[in-house]
Amino acid sequence: MFRKIPWFKFSSPPNFYWLADRLTPWLWGGAAILGIMGLYVGFFVAPPDYQQGDSYRIMFIHVPTAWMGMFIYLLIALYSVIFLTWRIKMADVMAIALAPTGALMTFLSLWTGALWGAPTWGTYWVWDARLTSTLILLFLYLGYMALHAAVDDREKGARAASLLALVGVVNVPIIYFSVEWWHSLHQGMSVTLTDAPSMAASMFAAMLLMTGACWLYSAAIALRRAQVEALEREAGNPWVQDELLGAEEGGDAATAAEASGDLQREVRS
């Protein structure tokens, strides 16, 4: 008989840390494999575009990062609802762990979009509806992280940041539908849920591979960052020392702090 996964079990920091520790290596490996495959197909297999030539190939980085920027913000909003409704602390941990990666993906989408726009539009930036709303998304990420860190009381900071995330989530559909709602230099949607992709099969395959790579990378780094956050919040509990020291019995606080610092440096690198 099918056995249900006890998801609520992993809302406990020790159980979450255990699960993340086992998932992360697989996610890193999957991200690397899909990324290599996606770049190979995108740059060596997919044909040149009949209008843009080879300059369009930046799409294989631009589009997946743009998708991930929006998707991660939706996840942060979902975790914010869970935190505000049920006060599950690991929901806030996951939200703040996702935020830097979401900001990175949004920045990369703006940067690659500017590089793509220079040869196609003749300019790096215009105050286009999609570009402007994506820039606002980046500011929302930065505001979320700043607000979370600005309040000394972690609980109050988390609540304030969660409310900002929920207010800002209205910007995501604006980004997605901006090319349909307003006159825009930005090209329309090449991939929709209702129609076949308006691109060659190899182009579409490369974009899906790179999207998968970005998704797995985001999951891996967010879980790793959430582990660090959980260790900091639960520093006084015995399981933290057990995990950091890799033994059944916890060690001294100085050794635990040193191990925690090593883990934080690993995430930053």
C-alpha atoms as a PDB file:
ATOM      1  CA  MET A   1       0.000   0.000   0.000  1.00  0.00           C
ATOM      2  CA  PHE A   2       1.190   3.504  -0.812  1.00  0.00           C
ATOM      3  CA  ARG A   3       2.787   5.095   2.213  1.00  0.00           C
ATOM      4  CA  LYS A   4       2.260   8.810   2.733  1.00  0.00           C
ATOM      5  CA  ILE A   5       5.320  10.938   3.363  1.00  0.00           C
ATOM      6  CA  PRO A   6       5.067  12.575   6.833  1.00  0.00           C
ATOM      7  CA  TRP A   7       5.780  16.091   5.604  1.00  0.00           C
ATOM      8  CA  PHE A   8       4.947  17.730   8.939  1.00  0.00           C
ATOM      9  CA  LYS A   9       7.688  15.663  10.507  1.00  0.00           C
ATOM     10  CA  PHE A  10      10.226  17.748   8.586  1.00  0.00           C
ATOM     11  CA  SER A  11       8.916  21.028  10.019  1.00  0.00           C
ATOM     12  CA  SER A  12      11.032  20.115  13.045  1.00  0.00           C
ATOM     13  CA  PRO A  13      14.531  21.640  12.669  1.00  0.00           C
ATOM     14  CA  PRO A  14      16.454  18.420  13.443  1.00  0.00           C
ATOM     15  CA  ASN A  15      14.402  16.394  10.971  1.00  0.00           C
ATOM     16  CA  PHE A  16      14.629  19.143   8.357  1.00  0.00           C
ATOM     17  CA  TYR A  17      18.413  19.307   8.773  1.00  0.00           C
ATOM     18  CA  TRP A  18      18.632  15.525   8.338  1.00  0.00           C
ATOM     19  CA  LEU A  19      16.510  15.619   5.154  1.00  0.00           C
ATOM     20  CA  ALA A  20      18.364  18.599   3.647  1.00  0.00           C
ATOM     21  CA  ASP A  21      21.708  16.964   4.349  1.00  0.00           C
ATOM     22  CA  ARG A  22      20.708  13.966   2.243  1.00  0.00           C
ATOM     23  CA  LEU A  23      18.968  15.826  -0.563  1.00  0.00           C
ATOM     24  CA  THR A  24      21.577  18.516  -1.185  1.00  0.00           C
ATOM     25  CA  PRO A  25      24.328  16.369  -2.807  1.00  0.00           C
ATOM     26  CA  TRP A  26      21.825  14.909  -5.266  1.00  0.00           C
ATOM     27  CA  LEU A  27      20.500  18.362  -6.108  1.00  0.00           C
ATOM     28  CA  TRP A  28      24.022  19.706  -6.706  1.00  0.00           C
ATOM     29  CA  GLY A  29      24.816  16.759  -8.964  1.00  0.00           C
ATOM     30  CA  GLY A  30      21.573  17.095 -10.903  1.00  0.00           C
ATOM     31  CA  ALA A  31      22.099  20.841 -11.369  1.00  0.00           C
ATOM     32  CA  ALA A  32      25.607  20.295 -12.736  1.00  0.00           C
ATOM     33  CA  ILE A  33      24.506  17.565 -15.167  1.00  0.00           C
ATOM     34  CA  LEU A  34      21.498  19.484 -16.483  1.00  0.00           C
ATOM     35  CA  GLY A  35      23.507  22.700 -16.715  1.00  0.00           C
ATOM     36  CA  ILE A  36      26.250  21.081 -18.807  1.00  0.00           C
ATOM     37  CA  MET A  37      23.684  19.398 -21.056  1.00  0.00           C
ATOM     38  CA  GLY A  38      21.646  22.588 -21.427  1.00  0.00           C
ATOM     39  CA  LEU A  39      24.658  24.735 -22.319  1.00  0.00           C
ATOM     40  CA  TYR A  40      25.886  22.157 -24.821  1.00  0.00           C
ATOM     41  CA  VAL A  41      22.519  21.842 -26.569  1.00  0.00           C
ATOM     42  CA  GLY A  42      21.920  25.599 -26.437  1.00  0.00           C
ATOM     43  CA  PHE A  43      25.303  26.673 -27.791  1.00  0.00           C
ATOM     44  CA  PHE A  44      26.314  23.776 -30.053  1.00  0.00           C
ATOM     45  CA  VAL A  45      23.163  21.908 -31.147  1.00  0.00           C
ATOM     46  CA  ALA A  46      20.404  24.531 -31.436  1.00  0.00           C
ATOM     47  CA  PRO A  47      20.446  26.357 -34.803  1.00  0.00           C
ATOM     48  CA  PRO A  48      20.944  30.127 -35.177  1.00  0.00           C
ATOM     49  CA  ASP A  49      17.787  32.205 -35.103  1.00  0.00           C
ATOM     50  CA  TYR A  50      16.635  33.352 -38.546  1.00  0.00           C
ATOM     51  CA  GLN A  51      16.451  36.981 -37.374  1.00  0.00           C
ATOM     52  CA  GLN A  52      18.841  37.356 -34.429  1.00  0.00           C
ATOM     53  CA  GLY A  53      21.547  34.915 -35.462  1.00  0.00           C
ATOM     54  CA  ASP A  54      23.561  33.634 -32.514  1.00  0.00           C
ATOM     55  CA  SER A  55      22.826  36.554 -30.190  1.00  0.00           C
ATOM     56  CA  TYR A  56      19.568  34.899 -29.127  1.00  0.00           C
ATOM     57  CA  ARG A  57      21.508  32.137 -27.320  1.00  0.00           C
ATOM     58  CA  ILE A  58      21.669  34.251 -24.186  1.00  0.00           C
ATOM     59  CA  MET A  59      17.989  33.293 -23.921  1.00  0.00           C
ATOM     60  CA  PHE A  60      19.071  29.949 -22.457  1.00  0.00           C
ATOM     61  CA  ILE A  61      20.267  31.805 -19.363  1.00  0.00           C
ATOM     62  CA  HIS A  62      17.913  34.780 -19.458  1.00  0.00           C
ATOM     63  CA  VAL A  63      14.590  32.936 -19.619  1.00  0.00           C
ATOM     64  CA  PRO A  64      15.279  30.269 -16.923  1.00  0.00           C
ATOM     65  CA  THR A  65      16.600  32.877 -14.475  1.00  0.00           C
ATOM     66  CA  ALA A  66      13.590  35.122 -15.146  1.00  0.00           C
ATOM     67  CA  TRP A  67      11.228  32.211 -14.498  1.00  0.00           C
ATOM     68  CA  MET A  68      13.069  31.267 -11.319  1.00  0.00           C
ATOM     69  CA  GLY A  69      13.023  34.847 -10.037  1.00  0.00           C
ATOM     70  CA  MET A  70       9.223  34.874 -10.228  1.00  0.00           C
ATOM     71  CA  PHE A  71       8.786  31.303  -9.000  1.00  0.00           C
ATOM     72  CA  ILE A  72      10.992  31.784  -5.941  1.00  0.00           C
ATOM     73  CA  TYR A  73       9.091  34.909  -4.953  1.00  0.00           C
ATOM     74  CA  LEU A  74       5.838  32.944  -5.117  1.00  0.00           C
ATOM     75  CA  LEU A  75       7.446  30.321  -2.861  1.00  0.00           C
ATOM     76  CA  ILE A  76       8.493  33.007  -0.393  1.00  0.00           C
ATOM     77  CA  ALA A  77       4.922  34.326  -0.352  1.00  0.00           C
ATOM     78  CA  LEU A  78       3.613  30.787   0.255  1.00  0.00           C
ATOM     79  CA  TYR A  79       6.034  30.209   3.119  1.00  0.00           C
ATOM     80  CA  SER A  80       5.061  33.619   4.508  1.00  0.00           C
ATOM     81  CA  VAL A  81       1.403  32.582   4.578  1.00  0.00           C
ATOM     82  CA  ILE A  82       2.338  29.364   6.377  1.00  0.00           C
ATOM     83  CA  PHE A  83       4.463  31.259   8.901  1.00  0.00           C
ATOM     84  CA  LEU A  84       1.853  33.936   9.588  1.00  0.00           C
ATOM     85  CA  THR A  85      -1.001  31.423   9.836  1.00  0.00           C
ATOM     86  CA  TRP A  86       0.518  28.511  11.742  1.00  0.00           C
ATOM     87  CA  ARG A  87       3.702  30.078  13.197  1.00  0.00           C
ATOM     88  CA  ILE A  88       5.839  27.291  11.760  1.00  0.00           C
ATOM     89  CA  LYS A  89       9.361  28.644  12.191  1.00  0.00           C
ATOM     90  CA  MET A  90      10.884  26.473   9.469  1.00  0.00           C
ATOM     91  CA  ALA A  91       8.577  28.198   6.964  1.00  0.00           C
ATOM     92  CA  ASP A  92      10.254  31.501   7.794  1.00  0.00           C
ATOM     93  CA  VAL A  93      13.655  29.787   7.640  1.00  0.00           C
ATOM     94  CA  MET A  94      12.932  28.545   4.121  1.00  0.00           C
ATOM     95  CA  ALA A  95      11.596  31.936   3.031  1.00  0.00           C
ATOM     96  CA  ILE A  96      14.680  33.850   4.160  1.00  0.00           C
ATOM     97  CA  ALA A  97      16.919  31.112   2.735  1.00  0.00           C
ATOM     98  CA  LEU A  98      15.280  31.441  -0.689  1.00  0.00           C
ATOM     99  CA  ALA A  99      15.425  35.231  -0.843  1.00  0.00           C
ATOM    100  CA  PRO A 100      19.129  35.703  -1.794  1.00  0.00           C
ATOM    101  CA  THR A 101      18.818  33.101  -4.551  1.00  0.00           C
ATOM    102  CA  GLY A 102      15.659  34.744  -5.861  1.00  0.00           C
ATOM    103  CA  ALA A 103      17.430  38.104  -5.886  1.00  0.00           C
ATOM    104  CA  LEU A 104      20.379  36.542  -7.733  1.00  0.00           C
ATOM    105  CA  MET A 105      18.100  34.987 -10.367  1.00  0.00           C
ATOM    106  CA  THR A 106      16.245  38.271 -10.854  1.00  0.00           C
ATOM    107  CA  PHE A 107      19.509  40.202 -11.188  1.00  0.00           C
ATOM    108  CA  LEU A 108      20.818  37.677 -13.729  1.00  0.00           C
ATOM    109  CA  SER A 109      17.621  37.967 -15.756  1.00  0.00           C
ATOM    110  CA  LEU A 110      17.973  41.773 -15.842  1.00  0.00           C
ATOM    111  CA  TRP A 111      21.673  41.604 -16.674  1.00  0.00           C
ATOM    112  CA  THR A 112      21.340  39.018 -19.438  1.00  0.00           C
ATOM    113  CA  GLY A 113      18.275  40.831 -20.734  1.00  0.00           C
ATOM    114  CA  ALA A 114      20.345  44.008 -21.052  1.00  0.00           C
ATOM    115  CA  LEU A 115      23.062  42.126 -22.920  1.00  0.00           C
ATOM    116  CA  TRP A 116      20.436  40.613 -25.207  1.00  0.00           C
ATOM    117  CA  GLY A 117      18.696  43.934 -25.710  1.00  0.00           C
ATOM    118  CA  ALA A 118      21.826  45.778 -26.889  1.00  0.00           C
ATOM    119  CA  PRO A 119      22.125  43.998 -30.279  1.00  0.00           C
ATOM    120  CA  THR A 120      18.367  43.501 -30.789  1.00  0.00           C
ATOM    121  CA  TRP A 121      16.869  46.773 -29.505  1.00  0.00           C
ATOM    122  CA  GLY A 122      19.940  48.956 -29.875  1.00  0.00           C
ATOM    123  CA  THR A 123      19.957  49.813 -26.157  1.00  0.00           C
ATOM    124  CA  TYR A 124      20.714  48.065 -22.885  1.00  0.00           C
ATOM    125  CA  TRP A 125      17.689  49.414 -21.038  1.00  0.00           C
ATOM    126  CA  VAL A 126      14.284  50.913 -21.695  1.00  0.00           C
ATOM    127  CA  TRP A 127      11.541  51.629 -19.194  1.00  0.00           C
ATOM    128  CA  ASP A 128       9.520  48.816 -20.697  1.00  0.00           C
ATOM    129  CA  ALA A 129       6.662  47.351 -18.612  1.00  0.00           C
ATOM    130  CA  ARG A 130       8.321  43.955 -18.170  1.00  0.00           C
ATOM    131  CA  LEU A 131      11.782  45.351 -17.462  1.00  0.00           C
ATOM    132  CA  THR A 132      10.454  47.875 -14.972  1.00  0.00           C
ATOM    133  CA  SER A 133       8.291  45.347 -13.117  1.00  0.00           C
ATOM    134  CA  THR A 134      11.230  42.916 -12.980  1.00  0.00           C
ATOM    135  CA  LEU A 135      13.405  45.667 -11.509  1.00  0.00           C
ATOM    136  CA  ILE A 136      10.684  46.225  -8.902  1.00  0.00           C
ATOM    137  CA  LEU A 137      10.853  42.495  -8.131  1.00  0.00           C
ATOM    138  CA  LEU A 138      14.575  42.823  -7.424  1.00  0.00           C
ATOM    139  CA  PHE A 139      13.856  45.725  -5.064  1.00  0.00           C
ATOM    140  CA  LEU A 140      11.199  43.616  -3.329  1.00  0.00           C
ATOM    141  CA  TYR A 141      13.752  40.873  -2.720  1.00  0.00           C
ATOM    142  CA  LEU A 142      16.249  43.363  -1.342  1.00  0.00           C
ATOM    143  CA  GLY A 143      13.555  45.010   0.790  1.00  0.00           C
ATOM    144  CA  TYR A 144      12.424  41.637   2.149  1.00  0.00           C
ATOM    145  CA  MET A 145      15.947  40.706   3.226  1.00  0.00           C
ATOM    146  CA  ALA A 146      16.669  44.167   4.643  1.00  0.00           C
ATOM    147  CA  LEU A 147      13.426  44.294   6.623  1.00  0.00           C
ATOM    148  CA  HIS A 148      13.993  40.784   7.985  1.00  0.00           C
ATOM    149  CA  ALA A 149      17.436  41.801   9.250  1.00  0.00           C
ATOM    150  CA  ALA A 150      16.601  45.343  10.390  1.00  0.00           C
ATOM    151  CA  VAL A 151      14.384  44.394  13.354  1.00  0.00           C
ATOM    152  CA  ASP A 152      16.234  43.141  16.428  1.00  0.00           C
ATOM    153  CA  ASP A 153      13.343  40.915  17.459  1.00  0.00           C
ATOM    154  CA  ARG A 154      13.564  38.023  14.978  1.00  0.00           C
ATOM    155  CA  GLU A 155       9.863  37.180  15.341  1.00  0.00           C
ATOM    156  CA  LYS A 156       8.748  40.757  14.598  1.00  0.00           C
ATOM    157  CA  GLY A 157      11.201  41.031  11.709  1.00  0.00           C
ATOM    158  CA  ALA A 158       9.895  37.802  10.219  1.00  0.00           C
ATOM    159  CA  ARG A 159       6.291  38.984  10.460  1.00  0.00           C
ATOM    160  CA  ALA A 160       7.070  42.349   8.885  1.00  0.00           C
ATOM    161  CA  ALA A 161       9.036  40.747   6.049  1.00  0.00           C
ATOM    162  CA  SER A 162       6.286  38.180   5.480  1.00  0.00           C
ATOM    163  CA  LEU A 163       3.693  40.936   5.123  1.00  0.00           C
ATOM    164  CA  LEU A 164       5.929  42.707   2.602  1.00  0.00           C
ATOM    165  CA  ALA A 165       6.272  39.455   0.644  1.00  0.00           C
ATOM    166  CA  LEU A 166       2.491  39.080   0.504  1.00  0.00           C
ATOM    167  CA  VAL A 167       1.958  42.671  -0.604  1.00  0.00           C
ATOM    168  CA  GLY A 168       4.655  42.365  -3.268  1.00  0.00           C
ATOM    169  CA  VAL A 169       3.360  39.114  -4.730  1.00  0.00           C
ATOM    170  CA  VAL A 170       0.914  41.110  -6.853  1.00  0.00           C
ATOM    171  CA  ASN A 171       3.922  42.151  -8.943  1.00  0.00           C
ATOM    172  CA  VAL A 172       4.512  38.593 -10.211  1.00  0.00           C
ATOM    173  CA  PRO A 173       1.423  38.367 -12.467  1.00  0.00           C
ATOM    174  CA  ILE A 174       2.168  41.915 -13.629  1.00  0.00           C
ATOM    175  CA  ILE A 175       5.591  40.737 -14.830  1.00  0.00           C
ATOM    176  CA  TYR A 176       4.175  37.636 -16.484  1.00  0.00           C
ATOM    177  CA  PHE A 177       1.292  39.304 -18.330  1.00  0.00           C
ATOM    178  CA  SER A 178       2.912  42.699 -18.970  1.00  0.00           C
ATOM    179  CA  VAL A 179       3.670  41.878 -22.616  1.00  0.00           C
ATOM    180  CA  GLU A 180      -0.040  41.189 -23.183  1.00  0.00           C
ATOM    181  CA  TRP A 181      -1.488  44.033 -21.117  1.00  0.00           C
ATOM    182  CA  TRP A 182       0.677  46.876 -22.452  1.00  0.00           C
ATOM    183  CA  HIS A 183       2.476  47.826 -25.628  1.00  0.00           C
ATOM    184  CA  SER A 184       5.992  46.564 -25.052  1.00  0.00           C
ATOM    185  CA  LEU A 185       9.328  46.217 -26.812  1.00  0.00           C
ATOM    186  CA  HIS A 186       9.741  42.914 -25.064  1.00  0.00           C
ATOM    187  CA  GLN A 187       8.817  39.955 -27.225  1.00  0.00           C
ATOM    188  CA  GLY A 188       5.694  37.961 -26.425  1.00  0.00           C
ATOM    189  CA  MET A 189       5.610  34.607 -24.678  1.00  0.00           C
ATOM    190  CA  SER A 190       7.256  31.837 -26.722  1.00  0.00           C
ATOM    191  CA  VAL A 191       6.110  29.118 -24.296  1.00  0.00           C
ATOM    192  CA  THR A 192       2.584  28.836 -22.905  1.00  0.00           C
ATOM    193  CA  LEU A 193       0.583  26.079 -21.275  1.00  0.00           C
ATOM    194  CA  THR A 194      -2.009  26.026 -24.051  1.00  0.00           C
ATOM    195  CA  ASP A 195       0.040  26.300 -27.255  1.00  0.00           C
ATOM    196  CA  ALA A 196       3.035  24.469 -28.708  1.00  0.00           C
ATOM    197  CA  PRO A 197       6.371  26.289 -28.301  1.00  0.00           C
ATOM    198  CA  SER A 198       7.116  28.713 -31.149  1.00  0.00           C
ATOM    199  CA  MET A 199      10.741  27.616 -31.440  1.00  0.00           C
ATOM    200  CA  ALA A 200      12.832  24.712 -32.707  1.00  0.00           C
ATOM    201  CA  ALA A 201      12.739  21.512 -30.654  1.00  0.00           C
ATOM    202  CA  SER A 202      16.451  21.768 -29.807  1.00  0.00           C
ATOM    203  CA  MET A 203      15.977  25.345 -28.573  1.00  0.00           C
ATOM    204  CA  PHE A 204      13.062  24.285 -26.390  1.00  0.00           C
ATOM    205  CA  ALA A 205      15.031  21.305 -25.045  1.00  0.00           C
ATOM    206  CA  ALA A 206      17.979  23.528 -24.130  1.00  0.00           C
ATOM    207  CA  MET A 207      15.699  25.973 -22.334  1.00  0.00           C
ATOM    208  CA  LEU A 208      14.032  23.168 -20.356  1.00  0.00           C
ATOM    209  CA  LEU A 209      17.413  21.697 -19.400  1.00  0.00           C
ATOM    210  CA  MET A 210      18.676  25.063 -18.200  1.00  0.00           C
ATOM    211  CA  THR A 211      15.433  25.670 -16.321  1.00  0.00           C
ATOM    212  CA  GLY A 212      15.887  22.327 -14.567  1.00  0.00           C
ATOM    213  CA  ALA A 213      19.488  23.233 -13.740  1.00  0.00           C
ATOM    214  CA  CYS A 214      18.424  26.579 -12.253  1.00  0.00           C
ATOM    215  CA  TRP A 215      15.652  24.904 -10.276  1.00  0.00           C
ATOM    216  CA  LEU A 216      17.944  22.241  -8.796  1.00  0.00           C
ATOM    217  CA  TYR A 217      20.661  24.794  -8.040  1.00  0.00           C
ATOM    218  CA  SER A 218      18.130  27.043  -6.288  1.00  0.00           C
ATOM    219  CA  ALA A 219      16.823  24.119  -4.230  1.00  0.00           C
ATOM    220  CA  ALA A 220      20.328  22.988  -3.266  1.00  0.00           C
ATOM    221  CA  ILE A 221      21.658  26.378  -2.192  1.00  0.00           C
ATOM    222  CA  ALA A 222      18.412  27.307  -0.409  1.00  0.00           C
ATOM    223  CA  LEU A 223      18.408  24.058   1.579  1.00  0.00           C
ATOM    224  CA  ARG A 224      22.051  24.536   2.485  1.00  0.00           C
ATOM    225  CA  ARG A 225      21.396  28.129   3.552  1.00  0.00           C
ATOM    226  CA  ALA A 226      18.347  26.995   5.536  1.00  0.00           C
ATOM    227  CA  GLN A 227      20.552  24.502   7.369  1.00  0.00           C
ATOM    228  CA  VAL A 228      22.825  27.345   8.472  1.00  0.00           C
ATOM    229  CA  GLU A 229      19.825  29.422   9.544  1.00  0.00           C
ATOM    230  CA  ALA A 230      18.404  26.484  11.510  1.00  0.00           C
ATOM    231  CA  LEU A 231      21.752  25.944  13.242  1.00  0.00           C
ATOM    232  CA  GLU A 232      21.917  29.600  14.263  1.00  0.00           C
ATOM    233  CA  ARG A 233      18.366  29.629  15.616  1.00  0.00           C
ATOM    234  CA  GLU A 234      18.731  26.322  17.451  1.00  0.00           C
ATOM    235  CA  ALA A 235      22.303  26.896  18.651  1.00  0.00           C
ATOM    236  CA  GLY A 236      21.441  26.051  22.266  1.00  0.00           C
ATOM    237  CA  ASN A 237      19.915  22.656  21.506  1.00  0.00           C
ATOM    238  CA  PRO A 238      21.935  19.455  21.845  1.00  0.00           C
ATOM    239  CA  TRP A 239      21.123  18.192  18.337  1.00  0.00           C
ATOM    240  CA  VAL A 240      23.005  21.146  16.844  1.00  0.00           C
ATOM    241  CA  GLN A 241      26.253  20.142  18.478  1.00  0.00           C
ATOM    242  CA  ASP A 242      25.649  16.531  17.498  1.00  0.00           C
ATOM    243  CA  GLU A 243      25.227  17.517  13.859  1.00  0.00           C
ATOM    244  CA  LEU A 244      28.125  19.934  13.806  1.00  0.00           C
ATOM    245  CA  LEU A 245      30.552  17.592  15.503  1.00  0.00           C
ATOM    246  CA  GLY A 246      29.337  14.459  13.741  1.00  0.00           C
ATOM    247  CA  ALA A 247      29.058  12.472  16.971  1.00  0.00           C
ATOM    248  CA  GLU A 248      26.330  11.145  19.224  1.00  0.00           C
ATOM    249  CA  GLU A 249      27.506  13.288  22.123  1.00  0.00           C
ATOM    250  CA  GLY A 250      27.704  17.098  21.669  1.00  0.00           C
ATOM    251  CA  GLY A 251      31.051  18.858  22.012  1.00  0.00           C
ATOM    252  CA  ASP A 252      31.999  22.187  23.518  1.00  0.00           C
ATOM    253  CA  ALA A 253      30.436  25.430  22.314  1.00  0.00           C
ATOM    254  CA  ALA A 254      33.681  26.786  20.812  1.00  0.00           C
ATOM    255  CA  THR A 255      34.071  23.773  18.553  1.00  0.00           C
ATOM    256  CA  ALA A 256      30.414  23.986  17.558  1.00  0.00           C
ATOM    257  CA  ALA A 257      30.802  27.667  16.716  1.00  0.00           C
ATOM    258  CA  GLU A 258      33.871  26.929  14.606  1.00  0.00           C
ATOM    259  CA  ALA A 259      32.016  24.194  12.719  1.00  0.00           C
ATOM    260  CA  SER A 260      29.074  26.522  12.193  1.00  0.00           C
ATOM    261  CA  GLY A 261      31.447  29.148  10.794  1.00  0.00           C
ATOM    262  CA  ASP A 262      32.894  26.592   8.368  1.00  0.00           C
ATOM    263  CA  LEU A 263      29.398  25.754   7.176  1.00  0.00           C
ATOM    264  CA  GLN A 264      28.527  29.417   6.679  1.00  0.00           C
ATOM    265  CA  ARG A 265      31.720  30.017   4.701  1.00  0.00           C
ATOM    266  CA  GLU A 266      30.866  27.028   2.512  1.00  0.00           C
ATOM    267  CA  VAL A 267      27.453  28.506   1.693  1.00  0.00           C
ATOM    268  CA  ARG A 268      28.890  31.943   0.899  1.00  0.00           C
ATOM    269  CA  SER A 269      31.451  30.413  -1.445  1.00  0.00           C
END
